[in-house]
Amino acid sequence: MVTFLFRPIKPRWLNLSFPSTLYLCPILDLLLQEIPEDLSAELRLGLQEALVNAAKHGNQLDPKKFVSVRYTRQQDRHEWIIADQGLGFVPPKICHPPVVENPLPEEGCDCGRGLYILFQIFDRVCWNPSGTELSLSKSFNCSQK
């Protein structure tokens, strides 16, 4: 008799942290290493928006404060958890794209543009209750590799 014990494979999370900066090219390159080419441009935009929000709005571009990113790939899904050391904000209570009649902010106002981009690009967008940690995920077809 042969017995197999199948344990669920825990995702391997990688960690990255950097001082608050808007120079994100090398960080984005690292975070997008295993992304299918056809998703790379849109995910770069989404991750850039999330990282800029953490560094600029969360940490107020204070170089003494860090942005941390945990990320993993689980079969056909990538996940990122982005945290800042700021005071937080009141996050939306939903984890899926809202229905928006007019997605463009009023002229002269940047408010909401970044959130709209995140909800359009990622399958799941959620914050912790204090608004200092953002979880993003994106699924893709395994045949896209």
C-alpha atoms as a PDB file:
ATOM      1  CA  MET A   1       0.000   0.000   0.000  1.00  0.00           C
ATOM      2  CA  VAL A   2       1.310   3.422  -0.965  1.00  0.00           C
ATOM      3  CA  THR A   3       0.154   6.471   0.899  1.00  0.00           C
ATOM      4  CA  PHE A   4       0.707  10.010  -0.263  1.00  0.00           C
ATOM      5  CA  LEU A   5       0.477  12.906   2.075  1.00  0.00           C
ATOM      6  CA  PHE A   6      -0.377  16.037   0.178  1.00  0.00           C
ATOM      7  CA  ARG A   7       0.245  19.191   2.085  1.00  0.00           C
ATOM      8  CA  PRO A   8      -1.019  22.419   0.697  1.00  0.00           C
ATOM      9  CA  ILE A   9       1.931  24.326  -0.672  1.00  0.00           C
ATOM     10  CA  LYS A  10       2.217  27.586   1.181  1.00  0.00           C
ATOM     11  CA  PRO A  11       2.892  30.551  -1.017  1.00  0.00           C
ATOM     12  CA  ARG A  12       6.428  31.866  -0.866  1.00  0.00           C
ATOM     13  CA  TRP A  13       6.231  35.535   0.000  1.00  0.00           C
ATOM     14  CA  LEU A  14       9.124  37.787  -0.937  1.00  0.00           C
ATOM     15  CA  ASN A  15       9.743  41.023   0.933  1.00  0.00           C
ATOM     16  CA  LEU A  16      11.053  44.327  -0.293  1.00  0.00           C
ATOM     17  CA  SER A  17      11.296  47.674   1.448  1.00  0.00           C
ATOM     18  CA  PHE A  18      12.669  51.021   0.383  1.00  0.00           C
ATOM     19  CA  PRO A  19      12.809  54.601   1.682  1.00  0.00           C
ATOM     20  CA  SER A  20       9.985  56.826   0.467  1.00  0.00           C
ATOM     21  CA  THR A  21      10.873  57.907  -3.047  1.00  0.00           C
ATOM     22  CA  LEU A  22       9.206  58.448  -6.378  1.00  0.00           C
ATOM     23  CA  TYR A  23      12.115  56.816  -8.236  1.00  0.00           C
ATOM     24  CA  LEU A  24      10.360  53.494  -8.693  1.00  0.00           C
ATOM     25  CA  CYS A  25      11.745  52.029 -11.953  1.00  0.00           C
ATOM     26  CA  PRO A  26      14.056  49.425 -10.371  1.00  0.00           C
ATOM     27  CA  ILE A  27      11.422  48.485  -7.796  1.00  0.00           C
ATOM     28  CA  LEU A  28       8.750  48.030 -10.452  1.00  0.00           C
ATOM     29  CA  ASP A  29      11.156  45.976 -12.590  1.00  0.00           C
ATOM     30  CA  LEU A  30      11.733  43.644  -9.655  1.00  0.00           C
ATOM     31  CA  LEU A  31       8.041  43.336  -8.781  1.00  0.00           C
ATOM     32  CA  LEU A  32       7.108  42.562 -12.393  1.00  0.00           C
ATOM     33  CA  GLN A  33       9.787  39.955 -13.152  1.00  0.00           C
ATOM     34  CA  GLU A  34       7.422  36.993 -13.481  1.00  0.00           C
ATOM     35  CA  ILE A  35       4.457  38.804 -14.977  1.00  0.00           C
ATOM     36  CA  PRO A  36       3.176  37.637 -18.369  1.00  0.00           C
ATOM     37  CA  GLU A  37       4.251  40.134 -21.011  1.00  0.00           C
ATOM     38  CA  ASP A  38       0.702  40.995 -22.075  1.00  0.00           C
ATOM     39  CA  LEU A  39      -0.136  42.129 -18.510  1.00  0.00           C
ATOM     40  CA  SER A  40       3.138  43.886 -17.771  1.00  0.00           C
ATOM     41  CA  ALA A  41       2.231  47.428 -18.897  1.00  0.00           C
ATOM     42  CA  GLU A  42      -1.097  47.633 -17.083  1.00  0.00           C
ATOM     43  CA  LEU A  43       0.287  46.088 -13.893  1.00  0.00           C
ATOM     44  CA  ARG A  44       3.242  48.473 -13.995  1.00  0.00           C
ATOM     45  CA  LEU A  45       0.771  51.371 -14.074  1.00  0.00           C
ATOM     46  CA  GLY A  46      -1.262  49.932 -11.205  1.00  0.00           C
ATOM     47  CA  LEU A  47       1.711  49.086  -9.000  1.00  0.00           C
ATOM     48  CA  GLN A  48       3.292  52.459  -9.701  1.00  0.00           C
ATOM     49  CA  GLU A  49       0.093  54.168  -8.606  1.00  0.00           C
ATOM     50  CA  ALA A  50      -0.041  52.115  -5.395  1.00  0.00           C
ATOM     51  CA  LEU A  51       3.641  52.721  -4.580  1.00  0.00           C
ATOM     52  CA  VAL A  52       3.401  56.452  -5.296  1.00  0.00           C
ATOM     53  CA  ASN A  53       0.347  56.668  -3.021  1.00  0.00           C
ATOM     54  CA  ALA A  54       2.237  54.889  -0.214  1.00  0.00           C
ATOM     55  CA  ALA A  55       5.383  57.040  -0.540  1.00  0.00           C
ATOM     56  CA  LYS A  56       3.738  60.389  -1.295  1.00  0.00           C
ATOM     57  CA  HIS A  57       0.416  60.349   0.545  1.00  0.00           C
ATOM     58  CA  GLY A  58       1.198  57.773   3.237  1.00  0.00           C
ATOM     59  CA  ASN A  59       4.774  58.622   4.136  1.00  0.00           C
ATOM     60  CA  GLN A  60       4.718  62.253   2.918  1.00  0.00           C
ATOM     61  CA  LEU A  61       7.947  61.449   0.979  1.00  0.00           C
ATOM     62  CA  ASP A  62       9.818  61.312   4.290  1.00  0.00           C
ATOM     63  CA  PRO A  63      13.062  59.432   3.465  1.00  0.00           C
ATOM     64  CA  LYS A  64      13.181  58.154   7.064  1.00  0.00           C
ATOM     65  CA  LYS A  65       9.934  56.246   6.463  1.00  0.00           C
ATOM     66  CA  PHE A  66       9.802  53.066   4.425  1.00  0.00           C
ATOM     67  CA  VAL A  67       7.380  51.495   1.998  1.00  0.00           C
ATOM     68  CA  SER A  68       7.304  47.715   2.272  1.00  0.00           C
ATOM     69  CA  VAL A  69       6.030  45.282  -0.298  1.00  0.00           C
ATOM     70  CA  ARG A  70       5.299  41.595   0.204  1.00  0.00           C
ATOM     71  CA  TYR A  71       4.562  39.735  -2.995  1.00  0.00           C
ATOM     72  CA  THR A  72       3.946  36.216  -4.218  1.00  0.00           C
ATOM     73  CA  ARG A  73       2.752  34.165  -7.126  1.00  0.00           C
ATOM     74  CA  GLN A  74       0.224  31.438  -6.466  1.00  0.00           C
ATOM     75  CA  GLN A  75      -0.486  29.281  -9.507  1.00  0.00           C
ATOM     76  CA  ASP A  76      -2.394  31.686 -11.772  1.00  0.00           C
ATOM     77  CA  ARG A  77      -2.493  34.704  -9.460  1.00  0.00           C
ATOM     78  CA  HIS A  78      -0.045  37.364  -8.303  1.00  0.00           C
ATOM     79  CA  GLU A  79      -0.520  39.194  -5.022  1.00  0.00           C
ATOM     80  CA  TRP A  80       1.089  42.294  -3.552  1.00  0.00           C
ATOM     81  CA  ILE A  81       0.732  43.793  -0.079  1.00  0.00           C
ATOM     82  CA  ILE A  82       2.002  47.368   0.077  1.00  0.00           C
ATOM     83  CA  ALA A  83       2.399  49.062   3.456  1.00  0.00           C
ATOM     84  CA  ASP A  84       3.476  52.551   4.458  1.00  0.00           C
ATOM     85  CA  GLN A  85       4.349  54.130   7.804  1.00  0.00           C
ATOM     86  CA  GLY A  86       1.918  56.993   7.475  1.00  0.00           C
ATOM     87  CA  LEU A  87      -1.110  57.912   9.542  1.00  0.00           C
ATOM     88  CA  GLY A  88      -3.477  56.042   7.226  1.00  0.00           C
ATOM     89  CA  PHE A  89      -6.759  57.118   5.718  1.00  0.00           C
ATOM     90  CA  VAL A  90     -10.334  55.920   5.721  1.00  0.00           C
ATOM     91  CA  PRO A  91     -10.273  53.285   2.983  1.00  0.00           C
ATOM     92  CA  PRO A  92     -13.231  52.287   0.832  1.00  0.00           C
ATOM     93  CA  LYS A  93     -15.178  49.436   2.400  1.00  0.00           C
ATOM     94  CA  ILE A  94     -15.330  47.462  -0.833  1.00  0.00           C
ATOM     95  CA  CYS A  95     -12.821  45.096  -2.411  1.00  0.00           C
ATOM     96  CA  HIS A  96     -14.179  45.176  -5.952  1.00  0.00           C
ATOM     97  CA  PRO A  97     -14.529  47.890  -8.562  1.00  0.00           C
ATOM     98  CA  PRO A  98     -17.253  50.402  -7.799  1.00  0.00           C
ATOM     99  CA  VAL A  99     -19.727  51.392 -10.469  1.00  0.00           C
ATOM    100  CA  VAL A 100     -18.690  54.875 -11.488  1.00  0.00           C
ATOM    101  CA  GLU A 101     -20.732  57.007 -13.856  1.00  0.00           C
ATOM    102  CA  ASN A 102     -18.017  59.601 -14.399  1.00  0.00           C
ATOM    103  CA  PRO A 103     -14.585  58.127 -13.539  1.00  0.00           C
ATOM    104  CA  LEU A 104     -12.714  61.340 -14.283  1.00  0.00           C
ATOM    105  CA  PRO A 105     -12.212  63.723 -11.362  1.00  0.00           C
ATOM    106  CA  GLU A 106     -13.327  67.298 -11.633  1.00  0.00           C
ATOM    107  CA  GLU A 107     -10.868  69.582 -13.361  1.00  0.00           C
ATOM    108  CA  GLY A 108      -7.970  70.548 -11.093  1.00  0.00           C
ATOM    109  CA  CYS A 109      -8.623  67.714  -8.646  1.00  0.00           C
ATOM    110  CA  ASP A 110      -6.493  64.561  -8.458  1.00  0.00           C
ATOM    111  CA  CYS A 111      -8.852  63.005  -5.918  1.00  0.00           C
ATOM    112  CA  GLY A 112      -9.902  59.478  -6.746  1.00  0.00           C
ATOM    113  CA  ARG A 113      -7.944  59.018  -9.976  1.00  0.00           C
ATOM    114  CA  GLY A 114      -5.486  56.601  -8.364  1.00  0.00           C
ATOM    115  CA  LEU A 115      -8.212  54.562  -6.709  1.00  0.00           C
ATOM    116  CA  TYR A 116     -10.065  54.344  -9.996  1.00  0.00           C
ATOM    117  CA  ILE A 117      -6.906  53.065 -11.738  1.00  0.00           C
ATOM    118  CA  LEU A 118      -6.345  50.417  -9.045  1.00  0.00           C
ATOM    119  CA  PHE A 119      -9.918  49.138  -9.287  1.00  0.00           C
ATOM    120  CA  GLN A 120      -9.698  48.962 -13.094  1.00  0.00           C
ATOM    121  CA  ILE A 121      -6.426  47.012 -13.183  1.00  0.00           C
ATOM    122  CA  PHE A 122      -6.559  44.592 -10.255  1.00  0.00           C
ATOM    123  CA  ASP A 123      -9.075  41.853  -9.522  1.00  0.00           C
ATOM    124  CA  ARG A 124      -8.991  42.574  -5.811  1.00  0.00           C
ATOM    125  CA  VAL A 125      -8.174  45.862  -4.044  1.00  0.00           C
ATOM    126  CA  CYS A 126      -8.463  45.971  -0.231  1.00  0.00           C
ATOM    127  CA  TRP A 127      -7.003  47.998   2.617  1.00  0.00           C
ATOM    128  CA  ASN A 128      -6.501  47.154   6.250  1.00  0.00           C
ATOM    129  CA  PRO A 129      -8.861  49.048   8.592  1.00  0.00           C
ATOM    130  CA  SER A 130      -6.331  51.817   9.303  1.00  0.00           C
ATOM    131  CA  GLY A 131      -5.607  52.428   5.609  1.00  0.00           C
ATOM    132  CA  THR A 132      -1.852  51.844   5.866  1.00  0.00           C
ATOM    133  CA  GLU A 133      -1.720  48.511   4.040  1.00  0.00           C
ATOM    134  CA  LEU A 134      -3.065  47.772   0.566  1.00  0.00           C
ATOM    135  CA  SER A 135      -3.625  44.252  -0.787  1.00  0.00           C
ATOM    136  CA  LEU A 136      -3.767  43.798  -4.549  1.00  0.00           C
ATOM    137  CA  SER A 137      -4.192  40.667  -6.635  1.00  0.00           C
ATOM    138  CA  LYS A 138      -4.382  39.869 -10.315  1.00  0.00           C
ATOM    139  CA  SER A 139      -5.268  36.542 -11.891  1.00  0.00           C
ATOM    140  CA  PHE A 140      -4.006  35.446 -15.279  1.00  0.00           C
ATOM    141  CA  ASN A 141      -4.348  32.413 -17.489  1.00  0.00           C
ATOM    142  CA  CYS A 142      -1.448  29.943 -17.044  1.00  0.00           C
ATOM    143  CA  SER A 143      -1.186  29.565 -20.831  1.00  0.00           C
ATOM    144  CA  GLN A 144      -0.225  33.247 -21.088  1.00  0.00           C
ATOM    145  CA  LYS A 145       3.316  32.635 -19.830  1.00  0.00           C
END
